[in-house]
Amino acid sequence: MRRRRAAGVFLILLALCAGPLWAQAPAAGAAPATSASPQASADASQLHARLAQLEQQVADAHSAGDNAWMLVSAALVLMMTGPGLALFYGGLVRKKNVLATMMQSFALMAVVTVVWAVVGYSLCFHTGNPFIGGTGYSFLYGVGAAPNPDYAATIPQQTFMVYQLMFAIITPALITGSIAERARFSALMLFMVLWSLLVYSPMAHMVWGAGGLLNNSGGRFPTLDFAGGTVVHITSGVSALVAALYFGKRVGYPKQPMPPHSVVLSFIGACLLWVGWFGFNAGSALAASGLATSAFVATHFAAASAAIGWAGAEWIRNGKPSVLGAISGAVAGLVAITPASGFVSPRAGLAIGLIAGVGCYLMVATVKAKFGYDDSLDAFGVHGAGGTIGAILTGVFAKSDVNPVFHDAAGKVLPVGMLEGNAGQVVNQLVGVAIAWVLAIVGSLVILKIADLLLGVRVTQEEEVEGLDVTQHGEEGYNLEV
């Protein structure tokens, strides 16, 4: 039956294609035509027009599919900040600071958006020099429905712009975890505005901007960073450590116990982060493509193996696997796979996640305890350490059959990672990591000093003891008397 149907379809198509030719065939005995008739020319022109129209319709459908995926991805990444990170961080602090902690994430959703529209996007993605972009896109001038082929040829530039905005929002929000329960809100907002312009923008342009120093398509040191290992996690994580050291320890730390007031909130936040991360990593393919699928799968596998790695290491050391440890491990795996997600296989994702889960656990449980710094919510232990681990391992595990990013002058695909024979890529990754560390350290120190001189970055001891919910916002997270 299927064969008869297929034969019928073939005969119909043959008749449709041959019909115009039969209609134009000369009658028996007629003299052969010496040139195409006007009717034949008209038919040929009509056929070309219809083919062109069909090609345009196919391209439009392709663009519509890519655009839909990217808009969904942008929404998923925004969900990572609020409610994901807000709940994750909010549950980890004491109850007198829950609103203030969540407000920091929410406020950055608004503040960074305005900064991005005014000049942030332009500094990241407009044509500039190897270190920073120009100002040609200020106030989003020229950013409309037309695609920018330098970045994403099948979606409107405005879609690309708003997708990248969501990265710019969550990156400084990650820093707040290191200085939770002691930061003055006004000074923190000033710090974040300056940090977005002076640390995030240069790093994003160097790695992702056309002509950037670390761009993997023509940069001086082509660094592989699919979705933000250096741009997002190393810069925020290292800046978090600098901020924690600059602010100093919380009142009573480490002598007084300061357990999370609601691991339940943090659990929900971590699950939202896991789901949102698919937009973060798979969305960075900038198309609804096979590469997006590959990044999606590697991301999920890395999160799972990292959760097992952290919980397993904790189980061996403490005799019990904690819920907080399991969700922290999942986040560590998501951090580590971020730069690698679009370059490695699912098997490599499992390995990267396991290494990151155990490595980040040791940073939090051993290194932090040894040096005694008060990284309140382990922003450096998870994002700084996890981002560094992931960026380096990207250079080890990246494969050309996943993403053939490098070619020779003749167009031949070249090896990408060390295991494929390109050991030099690990060196490039180390250069990218080093630049991210230096920029984050120097930039954060300068900006913290400016904010401290102008507004004072830390609340008073009395305000800290009373809690930031009341002293910074005049509200309480839980009114149990009503």
Protein backbone atom coordinates (compact mmCIF):
# COMPACT_ATOMS: atom_id res chain seq x y z
CA MET A 1 0.00 0.00 0.00
CA ARG A 2 2.79 2.46 0.90
CA ARG A 3 4.56 1.70 -2.38
CA ARG A 4 1.37 2.38 -4.39
CA ARG A 5 0.88 5.68 -2.57
CA ALA A 6 4.47 6.69 -3.17
CA ALA A 7 4.17 5.78 -6.87
CA GLY A 8 0.97 7.82 -7.11
CA VAL A 9 2.60 10.87 -5.55
CA PHE A 10 5.57 10.53 -7.90
CA LEU A 11 3.29 10.37 -10.99
CA ILE A 12 1.35 13.44 -9.86
CA LEU A 13 4.56 15.42 -9.32
CA LEU A 14 5.87 14.26 -12.71
CA ALA A 15 2.66 15.37 -14.40
CA LEU A 16 2.78 18.78 -12.72
CA CYS A 17 6.38 19.34 -13.76
CA ALA A 18 5.94 18.01 -17.30
CA GLY A 19 2.58 19.67 -17.98
CA PRO A 20 4.04 23.03 -19.01
CA LEU A 21 6.50 21.25 -21.31
CA TRP A 22 3.73 19.29 -23.07
CA ALA A 23 1.70 22.44 -23.50
CA GLN A 24 4.65 24.11 -25.18
CA ALA A 25 5.51 21.16 -27.53
CA PRO A 26 5.10 22.05 -31.27
CA ALA A 27 2.31 20.32 -33.17
CA ALA A 28 3.19 17.52 -35.57
CA GLY A 29 4.59 18.90 -38.80
CA ALA A 30 5.09 22.39 -37.39
CA ALA A 31 8.35 24.14 -38.02
CA PRO A 32 10.71 24.10 -35.04
CA ALA A 33 10.83 27.36 -33.08
CA THR A 34 13.98 29.37 -33.53
CA SER A 35 13.58 31.24 -30.24
CA ALA A 36 11.59 30.97 -27.02
CA SER A 37 8.02 32.14 -27.35
CA PRO A 38 6.76 34.98 -25.15
CA GLN A 39 4.60 32.49 -23.27
CA ALA A 40 7.58 30.26 -22.49
CA SER A 41 9.56 33.22 -21.21
CA ALA A 42 6.66 34.29 -19.03
CA ASP A 43 6.31 30.77 -17.62
CA ALA A 44 10.03 30.59 -16.85
CA SER A 45 9.93 33.97 -15.07
CA GLN A 46 6.92 32.87 -13.06
CA LEU A 47 8.70 29.65 -12.08
CA HIS A 48 11.78 31.55 -10.90
CA ALA A 49 9.58 33.94 -8.92
CA ARG A 50 7.77 31.06 -7.25
CA LEU A 51 11.06 29.35 -6.38
CA ALA A 52 12.41 32.58 -4.91
CA GLN A 53 9.22 33.00 -2.91
CA LEU A 54 9.48 29.42 -1.64
CA GLU A 55 13.11 29.94 -0.60
CA GLN A 56 12.14 33.10 1.28
CA GLN A 57 9.31 31.29 3.04
CA VAL A 58 11.70 28.54 4.12
CA ALA A 59 14.18 31.13 5.42
CA ASP A 60 11.41 32.97 7.25
CA ALA A 61 10.25 29.74 8.88
CA HIS A 62 13.82 28.97 9.94
CA SER A 63 14.21 32.44 11.39
CA ALA A 64 10.86 32.21 13.20
CA GLY A 65 11.86 28.92 14.82
CA ASP A 66 15.23 30.26 15.93
CA ASN A 67 13.65 33.47 17.20
CA ALA A 68 11.04 31.59 19.22
CA TRP A 69 13.70 29.43 20.87
CA MET A 70 15.85 32.44 21.70
CA LEU A 71 12.97 34.38 23.26
CA VAL A 72 12.13 31.35 25.41
CA SER A 73 15.81 31.02 26.33
CA ALA A 74 15.96 34.68 27.33
CA ALA A 75 12.97 34.16 29.62
CA LEU A 76 14.61 31.05 31.13
CA VAL A 77 17.82 32.96 31.91
CA LEU A 78 15.86 35.79 33.52
CA MET A 79 14.08 33.16 35.63
CA MET A 80 17.50 32.12 36.91
CA THR A 81 17.90 35.48 38.66
CA GLY A 82 14.32 35.91 39.81
CA PRO A 83 13.00 33.66 41.23
CA GLY A 84 15.89 31.14 40.96
CA LEU A 85 18.86 32.91 42.52
CA ALA A 86 16.65 35.05 44.76
CA LEU A 87 15.17 31.92 46.36
CA PHE A 88 18.47 30.04 46.43
CA TYR A 89 20.34 32.86 48.18
CA GLY A 90 17.32 33.97 50.21
CA GLY A 91 16.94 30.60 51.86
CA LEU A 92 20.61 30.44 52.82
CA VAL A 93 20.65 33.59 54.97
CA ARG A 94 19.12 34.16 58.39
CA LYS A 95 15.45 35.12 58.40
CA LYS A 96 16.18 38.74 59.35
CA ASN A 97 17.95 39.17 55.99
CA VAL A 98 15.78 37.20 53.60
CA LEU A 99 13.99 40.16 51.99
CA ALA A 100 17.16 42.21 51.64
CA THR A 101 18.94 39.31 49.97
CA MET A 102 16.12 38.67 47.52
CA MET A 103 15.77 42.39 46.84
CA GLN A 104 19.39 42.56 45.70
CA SER A 105 18.68 40.10 42.89
CA PHE A 106 15.40 41.76 41.98
CA ALA A 107 16.88 45.27 41.97
CA LEU A 108 19.60 44.18 39.56
CA MET A 109 16.93 42.96 37.15
CA ALA A 110 15.85 46.59 36.87
CA VAL A 111 19.11 48.49 37.30
CA VAL A 112 21.25 46.43 34.93
CA THR A 113 18.50 46.53 32.29
CA VAL A 114 18.66 50.32 32.19
CA VAL A 115 22.46 50.33 32.14
CA TRP A 116 22.39 47.78 29.32
CA ALA A 117 20.03 49.89 27.23
CA VAL A 118 22.02 53.09 27.75
CA VAL A 119 25.52 51.83 26.97
CA GLY A 120 26.18 48.29 28.31
CA TYR A 121 25.14 46.38 25.20
CA SER A 122 27.17 48.71 23.00
CA LEU A 123 30.33 48.29 25.08
CA CYS A 124 30.00 44.52 24.80
CA PHE A 125 29.01 44.03 21.17
CA HIS A 126 29.59 47.14 19.08
CA THR A 127 32.73 47.36 16.95
CA GLY A 128 35.62 48.62 19.05
CA ASN A 129 39.11 47.43 19.90
CA PRO A 130 40.29 44.04 21.21
CA PHE A 131 39.41 45.06 24.79
CA ILE A 132 36.14 47.01 24.69
CA GLY A 133 33.34 47.76 22.25
CA GLY A 134 32.32 51.15 20.91
CA THR A 135 29.34 53.36 21.73
CA GLY A 136 27.47 53.06 18.43
CA TYR A 137 24.63 51.05 19.99
CA SER A 138 24.10 53.47 22.90
CA PHE A 139 20.43 53.78 23.82
CA LEU A 140 20.00 50.78 21.46
CA TYR A 141 20.40 52.97 18.40
CA GLY A 142 20.22 50.75 15.30
CA VAL A 143 19.27 47.65 17.30
CA GLY A 144 16.09 46.43 15.64
CA ALA A 145 14.52 43.60 13.69
CA ALA A 146 17.38 43.16 11.23
CA PRO A 147 19.86 40.40 12.22
CA ASN A 148 23.49 41.16 12.99
CA PRO A 149 25.41 38.51 10.98
CA ASP A 150 28.49 38.95 13.19
CA TYR A 151 26.59 37.24 16.03
CA ALA A 152 23.32 35.61 14.97
CA ALA A 153 22.27 35.71 11.33
CA THR A 154 18.81 34.16 11.72
CA ILE A 155 17.30 36.19 14.59
CA PRO A 156 16.62 39.91 15.04
CA GLN A 157 19.46 41.80 16.68
CA GLN A 158 16.96 42.97 19.27
CA THR A 159 16.40 39.33 20.26
CA PHE A 160 20.15 38.79 20.54
CA MET A 161 20.42 41.97 22.60
CA VAL A 162 17.73 41.02 25.11
CA TYR A 163 19.10 37.47 25.42
CA GLN A 164 22.56 38.80 26.27
CA LEU A 165 20.98 41.23 28.73
CA MET A 166 19.85 38.33 30.90
CA PHE A 167 23.50 37.25 31.28
CA ALA A 168 24.47 40.78 32.27
CA ILE A 169 21.76 40.72 34.96
CA ILE A 170 22.62 37.46 36.68
CA THR A 171 26.40 37.92 36.66
CA PRO A 172 26.64 40.74 39.25
CA ALA A 173 23.76 39.16 41.19
CA LEU A 174 26.01 36.14 41.85
CA ILE A 175 28.49 38.39 43.69
CA THR A 176 25.92 39.33 46.32
CA GLY A 177 26.17 35.87 47.86
CA SER A 178 29.66 36.53 49.19
CA ILE A 179 28.70 39.68 51.11
CA ALA A 180 25.21 38.67 52.19
CA GLU A 181 23.89 40.05 55.49
CA ARG A 182 26.25 43.03 55.70
CA ALA A 183 26.09 45.18 52.54
CA ARG A 184 24.55 48.65 52.41
CA PHE A 185 21.94 48.62 49.66
CA SER A 186 22.77 52.03 48.12
CA ALA A 187 26.51 51.32 47.95
CA LEU A 188 25.85 47.86 46.55
CA MET A 189 23.81 49.28 43.69
CA LEU A 190 26.56 51.80 42.88
CA PHE A 191 29.14 49.02 42.95
CA MET A 192 27.05 46.86 40.61
CA VAL A 193 26.53 49.62 38.05
CA LEU A 194 30.25 50.38 37.89
CA TRP A 195 31.16 46.69 37.92
CA SER A 196 28.83 45.99 34.99
CA LEU A 197 30.54 48.68 32.93
CA LEU A 198 34.17 48.25 34.00
CA VAL A 199 34.49 44.49 34.54
CA TYR A 200 31.65 42.66 32.80
CA SER A 201 31.57 44.71 29.58
CA PRO A 202 35.29 44.40 28.75
CA MET A 203 35.33 40.69 29.51
CA ALA A 204 32.21 40.03 27.44
CA HIS A 205 33.65 41.96 24.50
CA MET A 206 37.03 40.23 24.69
CA VAL A 207 35.44 36.77 24.64
CA TRP A 208 32.25 37.20 22.60
CA GLY A 209 32.58 40.52 20.79
CA ALA A 210 33.68 40.68 17.16
CA GLY A 211 37.39 41.49 17.14
CA GLY A 212 37.78 40.65 20.84
CA LEU A 213 41.17 39.60 22.19
CA LEU A 214 39.88 36.18 23.32
CA ASN A 215 37.25 35.61 20.64
CA ASN A 216 37.51 32.08 19.21
CA SER A 217 37.00 33.46 15.68
CA GLY A 218 40.07 35.56 15.05
CA GLY A 219 41.11 36.66 18.54
CA ARG A 220 44.75 36.82 19.56
CA PHE A 221 44.15 34.05 22.13
CA PRO A 222 41.08 32.12 20.92
CA THR A 223 39.38 31.05 24.13
CA LEU A 224 36.48 28.59 24.15
CA ASP A 225 33.66 29.93 26.30
CA PHE A 226 30.32 28.81 24.96
CA ALA A 227 28.03 30.36 27.56
CA GLY A 228 30.05 32.29 30.11
CA GLY A 229 32.64 30.36 32.13
CA THR A 230 35.09 33.26 32.05
CA VAL A 231 32.65 36.07 31.28
CA VAL A 232 30.06 35.16 33.93
CA HIS A 233 31.36 32.75 36.55
CA ILE A 234 35.04 33.55 36.94
CA THR A 235 34.52 37.31 36.93
CA SER A 236 31.66 37.14 39.43
CA GLY A 237 33.22 34.41 41.58
CA VAL A 238 36.62 36.09 41.88
CA SER A 239 34.97 39.47 42.46
CA ALA A 240 32.93 37.78 45.19
CA LEU A 241 36.12 36.68 46.96
CA VAL A 242 37.57 40.19 46.68
CA ALA A 243 34.37 41.67 48.09
CA ALA A 244 34.23 39.17 50.96
CA LEU A 245 37.79 40.05 51.95
CA TYR A 246 37.14 43.80 51.59
CA PHE A 247 33.93 43.73 53.67
CA GLY A 248 35.37 41.51 56.37
CA LYS A 249 33.55 38.87 58.37
CA ARG A 250 29.99 39.10 59.61
CA VAL A 251 29.49 40.00 63.27
CA GLY A 252 29.99 36.79 65.24
CA TYR A 253 31.46 34.74 62.36
CA PRO A 254 32.64 31.97 62.73
CA LYS A 255 31.99 31.57 66.47
CA GLN A 256 28.22 31.99 66.27
CA PRO A 257 26.27 29.46 64.21
CA MET A 258 24.62 31.04 61.16
CA PRO A 259 22.61 28.23 59.53
CA PRO A 260 20.29 28.80 56.57
CA HIS A 261 16.83 29.85 57.73
CA SER A 262 15.06 27.80 55.00
CA VAL A 263 16.76 25.10 52.98
CA VAL A 264 13.34 24.55 51.43
CA LEU A 265 13.51 27.94 49.68
CA SER A 266 17.05 27.19 48.54
CA PHE A 267 15.96 23.78 47.24
CA ILE A 268 13.24 25.37 45.09
CA GLY A 269 15.68 28.03 43.89
CA ALA A 270 18.27 25.42 42.90
CA CYS A 271 15.70 23.46 40.89
CA LEU A 272 14.68 26.65 39.07
CA LEU A 273 18.35 27.36 38.36
CA TRP A 274 18.79 23.88 36.89
CA VAL A 275 15.82 24.34 34.55
CA GLY A 276 16.78 27.90 33.63
CA TRP A 277 20.32 26.81 32.82
CA PHE A 278 19.06 25.10 29.68
CA GLY A 279 18.28 28.56 28.32
CA PHE A 280 21.66 29.74 29.57
CA ASN A 281 23.69 27.03 27.83
CA ALA A 282 21.55 25.55 25.05
CA GLY A 283 20.33 29.04 24.17
CA SER A 284 23.92 30.10 23.55
CA ALA A 285 23.79 28.14 20.29
CA LEU A 286 21.72 31.16 19.14
CA ALA A 287 19.54 28.85 17.06
CA ALA A 288 17.13 25.93 17.44
CA SER A 289 19.80 23.57 16.17
CA GLY A 290 21.57 20.31 16.82
CA LEU A 291 24.24 22.26 18.68
CA ALA A 292 21.57 23.52 21.08
CA THR A 293 20.55 19.91 21.71
CA SER A 294 24.15 18.90 22.37
CA ALA A 295 24.63 21.75 24.84
CA PHE A 296 21.31 20.90 26.54
CA VAL A 297 22.29 17.25 27.05
CA ALA A 298 25.83 18.00 28.26
CA THR A 299 24.43 20.56 30.71
CA HIS A 300 21.96 18.13 32.24
CA PHE A 301 24.49 15.32 32.56
CA ALA A 302 27.06 17.58 34.21
CA ALA A 303 24.57 18.85 36.80
CA ALA A 304 23.56 15.29 37.69
CA SER A 305 27.10 13.95 38.07
CA ALA A 306 28.19 17.01 40.06
CA ALA A 307 25.30 16.61 42.51
CA ILE A 308 26.39 13.01 43.05
CA GLY A 309 30.05 14.04 43.36
CA TRP A 310 29.46 16.72 46.01
CA ALA A 311 26.95 14.64 47.97
CA GLY A 312 29.20 11.58 47.78
CA ALA A 313 32.26 13.46 49.02
CA GLU A 314 30.19 14.93 51.85
CA TRP A 315 28.77 11.52 52.69
CA ILE A 316 32.25 10.02 52.96
CA ARG A 317 33.51 12.89 55.12
CA ASN A 318 30.50 13.56 57.37
CA GLY A 319 28.61 10.29 57.28
CA LYS A 320 25.49 11.86 55.74
CA PRO A 321 24.68 13.49 52.40
CA SER A 322 22.95 16.82 53.04
CA VAL A 323 20.23 18.36 50.89
CA LEU A 324 22.18 21.62 50.80
CA GLY A 325 25.24 19.75 49.60
CA ALA A 326 23.35 18.00 46.81
CA ILE A 327 21.82 21.20 45.43
CA SER A 328 25.11 23.05 45.78
CA GLY A 329 26.81 20.28 43.83
CA ALA A 330 24.26 20.54 41.03
CA VAL A 331 24.89 24.28 40.76
CA ALA A 332 28.66 23.67 40.73
CA GLY A 333 28.25 21.24 37.84
CA LEU A 334 26.11 23.72 35.93
CA VAL A 335 28.77 26.37 36.45
CA ALA A 336 31.59 24.14 35.26
CA ILE A 337 29.82 22.90 32.14
CA THR A 338 28.84 26.42 31.07
CA PRO A 339 31.98 27.21 29.01
CA ALA A 340 32.19 23.64 27.67
CA SER A 341 28.54 22.89 26.92
CA GLY A 342 28.70 23.67 23.21
CA PHE A 343 32.05 21.96 22.62
CA VAL A 344 31.97 18.63 24.48
CA SER A 345 30.15 15.30 24.34
CA PRO A 346 27.71 14.06 27.01
CA ARG A 347 30.41 11.71 28.30
CA ALA A 348 32.74 14.64 28.84
CA GLY A 349 29.86 16.47 30.54
CA LEU A 350 29.64 13.66 33.07
CA ALA A 351 33.38 13.89 33.75
CA ILE A 352 33.43 17.68 34.05
CA GLY A 353 30.48 17.63 36.42
CA LEU A 354 31.99 14.97 38.68
CA ILE A 355 35.33 16.80 38.88
CA ALA A 356 33.60 20.10 39.61
CA GLY A 357 31.30 18.62 42.24
CA VAL A 358 34.16 17.16 44.25
CA GLY A 359 36.49 20.12 43.60
CA CYS A 360 33.98 22.78 44.65
CA TYR A 361 33.07 20.79 47.75
CA LEU A 362 36.72 20.75 48.80
CA MET A 363 36.95 24.52 48.18
CA VAL A 364 33.96 25.15 50.44
CA ALA A 365 34.64 22.54 53.13
CA THR A 366 38.43 22.67 53.30
CA VAL A 367 40.02 25.72 51.67
CA LYS A 368 37.49 28.22 53.02
CA ALA A 369 37.82 26.79 56.52
CA LYS A 370 41.61 26.86 56.34
CA PHE A 371 41.89 30.51 55.29
CA GLY A 372 38.91 31.71 57.32
CA TYR A 373 37.37 34.18 54.87
CA ASP A 374 33.62 34.80 55.14
CA ASP A 375 32.20 34.03 51.72
CA SER A 376 28.69 33.94 53.15
CA LEU A 377 26.94 31.83 50.51
CA ASP A 378 30.03 30.33 48.84
CA ALA A 379 29.87 32.43 45.69
CA PHE A 380 33.62 32.04 45.17
CA GLY A 381 33.71 28.36 46.15
CA VAL A 382 31.06 27.49 43.57
CA HIS A 383 31.31 30.10 40.81
CA GLY A 384 34.95 31.19 41.00
CA ALA A 385 36.34 27.69 41.50
CA GLY A 386 33.75 25.95 39.33
CA GLY A 387 34.15 28.45 36.51
CA THR A 388 37.93 28.06 36.56
CA ILE A 389 37.72 24.26 36.55
CA GLY A 390 35.23 24.28 33.70
CA ALA A 391 37.16 26.77 31.57
CA ILE A 392 40.35 24.72 31.76
CA LEU A 393 38.62 21.39 31.17
CA THR A 394 36.92 22.86 28.11
CA GLY A 395 40.33 23.02 26.49
CA VAL A 396 40.88 19.37 27.36
CA PHE A 397 37.59 17.80 26.25
CA ALA A 398 36.42 20.01 23.35
CA LYS A 399 35.79 18.02 20.13
CA SER A 400 35.50 19.08 16.52
CA ASP A 401 32.66 16.67 15.80
CA VAL A 402 30.56 18.51 18.39
CA ASN A 403 31.49 22.01 17.24
CA PRO A 404 34.02 22.41 14.38
CA VAL A 405 35.05 25.85 15.50
CA PHE A 406 38.59 25.87 14.05
CA HIS A 407 39.52 25.58 10.34
CA ASP A 408 42.68 26.01 8.30
CA ALA A 409 43.03 28.35 5.32
CA ALA A 410 41.59 25.70 3.00
CA GLY A 411 38.52 25.21 5.20
CA LYS A 412 39.63 21.88 6.64
CA VAL A 413 38.35 21.19 10.17
CA LEU A 414 41.11 21.29 12.78
CA PRO A 415 41.31 19.62 16.21
CA VAL A 416 39.71 21.65 18.99
CA GLY A 417 40.71 20.21 22.37
CA MET A 418 43.78 18.61 23.89
CA LEU A 419 42.42 15.07 23.67
CA GLU A 420 41.96 15.62 19.94
CA GLY A 421 45.56 16.73 19.54
CA ASN A 422 45.32 20.49 20.12
CA ALA A 423 47.23 20.86 23.38
CA GLY A 424 47.72 24.56 22.69
CA GLN A 425 44.04 25.16 23.41
CA VAL A 426 44.65 24.54 27.10
CA VAL A 427 47.20 27.36 27.01
CA ASN A 428 44.64 29.66 25.43
CA GLN A 429 42.13 28.68 28.10
CA LEU A 430 44.67 29.50 30.81
CA VAL A 431 45.26 32.91 29.23
CA GLY A 432 41.52 33.60 29.26
CA VAL A 433 41.25 32.45 32.88
CA ALA A 434 44.20 34.63 33.92
CA ILE A 435 42.76 37.73 32.24
CA ALA A 436 39.38 37.13 33.90
CA TRP A 437 41.02 36.77 37.32
CA VAL A 438 43.17 39.88 36.97
CA LEU A 439 40.36 42.03 35.61
CA ALA A 440 38.01 40.89 38.38
CA ILE A 441 40.54 41.48 41.16
CA VAL A 442 41.77 44.87 40.05
CA GLY A 443 38.42 46.16 38.85
CA SER A 444 36.55 45.05 41.97
CA LEU A 445 39.09 46.56 44.34
CA VAL A 446 38.97 49.94 42.59
CA ILE A 447 35.17 49.99 42.42
CA LEU A 448 34.75 48.88 46.04
CA LYS A 449 37.04 51.69 47.15
CA ILE A 450 35.05 54.26 45.17
CA ALA A 451 31.72 53.01 46.55
CA ASP A 452 33.13 52.89 50.08
CA LEU A 453 34.43 56.46 49.93
CA LEU A 454 31.17 57.80 48.53
CA LEU A 455 28.56 55.83 50.48
CA GLY A 456 30.18 53.30 52.79
CA VAL A 457 29.77 49.73 51.61
CA ARG A 458 29.03 48.06 54.95
CA VAL A 459 26.19 48.67 57.35
CA THR A 460 26.93 49.53 60.97
CA GLN A 461 27.28 46.78 63.56
CA GLU A 462 23.93 47.74 65.08
CA GLU A 463 22.20 47.57 61.69
CA GLU A 464 23.76 44.20 60.96
CA VAL A 465 22.62 42.76 64.28
CA GLU A 466 19.07 44.06 63.77
CA GLY A 467 18.97 42.70 60.23
CA LEU A 468 18.99 44.22 56.76
CA ASP A 469 15.29 43.65 56.12
CA VAL A 470 14.37 46.31 58.66
CA THR A 471 17.40 48.61 58.46
CA GLN A 472 17.67 48.75 54.66
CA HIS A 473 14.05 48.33 53.56
CA GLY A 474 11.82 48.88 56.58
CA GLU A 475 10.10 45.51 56.22
CA GLU A 476 10.22 41.99 57.59
CA GLY A 477 10.15 38.81 55.58
CA TYR A 478 8.01 36.95 58.08
CA ASN A 479 5.35 38.59 60.28
CA LEU A 480 4.46 35.61 62.45
CA GLU A 481 2.29 37.62 64.87
CA VAL A 482 -0.46 38.27 62.32
